[in-house]
Amino acid sequence: MAQAIARLHFRPTVEIHDVDEALRLIKAAKASLNDHAGPSHRDTSKTTQIWEIMKQMQNTTDSDSLDMADVRRRVTGRGFTEDEMWNTIREYSDYGVIFTSEENRRLTFVEIGEDMEID
């Protein structure tokens, strides 16, 4: 999985943060199996929590993009800092699933259609 993450970043070698992210994803995947029973072992990192806030906002709109002022208000309203929000946006931008446009005024989600291939 770490190798796949490195490839997403177009790097020929795996770096330590690729391994860290792979371990975080494995932990989150395992925790999702236990969501229905007992105490939750979900990934509760700030990055994941902020991502879930942004995805929830996107799911409530017909658009693939959000106004950054709205995102900032929602994220900081839930107790996260603006720096944590931007770190999350940078991380998921590196994965190629979101990007900012209009001089960081819009946050756009990349939707993969059925006709698109993923290697």
Protein backbone atom coordinates (compact mmCIF):
# COMPACT_ATOMS: atom_id res chain seq x y z
CA MET A 1 0.00 0.00 0.00
CA ALA A 2 2.89 2.37 0.76
CA GLN A 3 4.23 1.72 -2.72
CA ALA A 4 0.86 2.64 -4.22
CA ILE A 5 0.85 5.88 -2.25
CA ALA A 6 4.35 6.69 -3.54
CA ARG A 7 3.15 6.02 -7.08
CA LEU A 8 0.21 8.40 -6.58
CA HIS A 9 2.86 11.07 -5.95
CA PHE A 10 4.86 9.95 -9.00
CA ARG A 11 7.85 9.00 -6.84
CA PRO A 12 10.06 6.00 -7.70
CA THR A 13 10.82 5.25 -4.04
CA VAL A 14 8.71 4.76 -0.94
CA GLU A 15 9.25 7.34 1.78
CA ILE A 16 8.52 7.02 5.49
CA HIS A 17 5.41 9.20 5.30
CA ASP A 18 4.04 6.80 2.63
CA VAL A 19 4.37 3.97 5.15
CA ASP A 20 2.76 6.10 7.86
CA GLU A 21 -0.19 6.89 5.59
CA ALA A 22 -0.54 3.23 4.60
CA LEU A 23 -0.66 2.23 8.25
CA ARG A 24 -3.24 4.94 8.97
CA LEU A 25 -5.40 3.73 6.09
CA ILE A 26 -5.14 0.10 7.21
CA LYS A 27 -6.12 1.10 10.74
CA ALA A 28 -9.09 3.09 9.40
CA ALA A 29 -10.18 0.19 7.18
CA LYS A 30 -10.00 -2.27 10.07
CA ALA A 31 -11.91 0.09 12.31
CA SER A 32 -14.71 0.43 9.77
CA LEU A 33 -15.36 -3.30 10.16
CA ASN A 34 -16.06 -2.74 13.84
CA ASP A 35 -18.31 0.31 13.46
CA HIS A 36 -21.44 -1.74 14.04
CA ALA A 37 -20.38 -3.42 17.28
CA GLY A 38 -18.98 -2.10 20.52
CA PRO A 39 -16.53 0.73 20.94
CA SER A 40 -15.33 2.34 17.76
CA HIS A 41 -11.74 2.02 16.61
CA ARG A 42 -12.24 4.43 13.72
CA ASP A 43 -9.44 6.64 12.54
CA THR A 44 -9.98 9.81 14.53
CA SER A 45 -7.04 11.81 13.21
CA LYS A 46 -7.69 15.48 12.60
CA THR A 47 -6.99 14.99 8.90
CA THR A 48 -9.67 12.32 8.59
CA GLN A 49 -12.17 14.31 10.64
CA ILE A 50 -11.68 17.42 8.50
CA TRP A 51 -11.91 15.34 5.31
CA GLU A 52 -15.22 13.88 6.54
CA ILE A 53 -16.55 17.39 7.22
CA MET A 54 -15.66 18.47 3.69
CA LYS A 55 -17.13 15.30 2.13
CA GLN A 56 -20.32 15.75 4.14
CA MET A 57 -20.60 19.31 2.83
CA GLN A 58 -20.05 18.11 -0.73
CA ASN A 59 -22.67 15.37 -0.34
CA THR A 60 -25.29 17.95 0.61
CA THR A 61 -24.84 19.97 -2.57
CA ASP A 62 -25.39 19.28 -6.26
CA SER A 63 -22.03 20.84 -7.10
CA ASP A 64 -18.59 19.23 -7.17
CA SER A 65 -17.12 22.36 -5.59
CA LEU A 66 -17.54 24.28 -2.36
CA ASP A 67 -16.96 27.89 -1.39
CA MET A 68 -13.81 27.97 0.76
CA ALA A 69 -15.37 30.53 3.09
CA ASP A 70 -18.12 28.00 3.89
CA VAL A 71 -15.56 25.21 4.35
CA ARG A 72 -13.45 27.41 6.63
CA ARG A 73 -16.50 28.36 8.73
CA ARG A 74 -17.62 24.75 9.11
CA VAL A 75 -14.16 23.36 9.90
CA THR A 76 -13.19 26.07 12.38
CA GLY A 77 -16.68 25.91 13.88
CA ARG A 78 -15.98 22.29 14.77
CA GLY A 79 -12.85 23.26 16.70
CA PHE A 80 -10.14 22.77 14.08
CA THR A 81 -7.64 25.44 13.11
CA GLU A 82 -7.31 26.95 9.68
CA ASP A 83 -3.79 25.48 9.45
CA GLU A 84 -5.19 22.00 10.08
CA MET A 85 -7.76 22.59 7.35
CA TRP A 86 -5.11 23.68 4.84
CA ASN A 87 -2.87 20.73 5.78
CA THR A 88 -5.78 18.40 5.04
CA ILE A 89 -6.48 20.13 1.74
CA ARG A 90 -2.80 19.89 0.75
CA GLU A 91 -2.67 16.19 1.67
CA TYR A 92 -5.79 15.27 -0.29
CA SER A 93 -4.69 17.50 -3.18
CA ASP A 94 -1.49 15.47 -3.31
CA TYR A 95 -3.66 12.36 -3.62
CA GLY A 96 -5.43 13.99 -6.57
CA VAL A 97 -8.95 13.83 -5.13
CA ILE A 98 -9.47 17.56 -4.54
CA PHE A 99 -8.00 20.84 -5.72
CA THR A 100 -8.51 24.52 -5.08
CA SER A 101 -9.36 27.01 -7.78
CA GLU A 102 -10.11 30.69 -8.20
CA GLU A 103 -7.14 31.68 -6.02
CA ASN A 104 -8.15 29.26 -3.24
CA ARG A 105 -11.75 30.49 -3.18
CA ARG A 106 -13.27 27.16 -4.31
CA LEU A 107 -12.59 23.59 -3.22
CA THR A 108 -13.34 21.12 -6.00
CA PHE A 109 -13.71 17.37 -5.64
CA VAL A 110 -12.43 15.15 -8.43
CA GLU A 111 -15.08 12.66 -9.41
CA ILE A 112 -13.96 9.49 -11.14
CA GLY A 113 -16.47 8.46 -13.76
CA GLU A 114 -17.15 4.97 -15.03
CA ASP A 115 -15.31 5.75 -18.26
CA MET A 116 -12.09 6.72 -16.46
CA GLU A 117 -9.40 4.14 -15.87
CA ILE A 118 -7.35 3.88 -12.68
CA ASP A 119 -4.04 2.03 -12.78
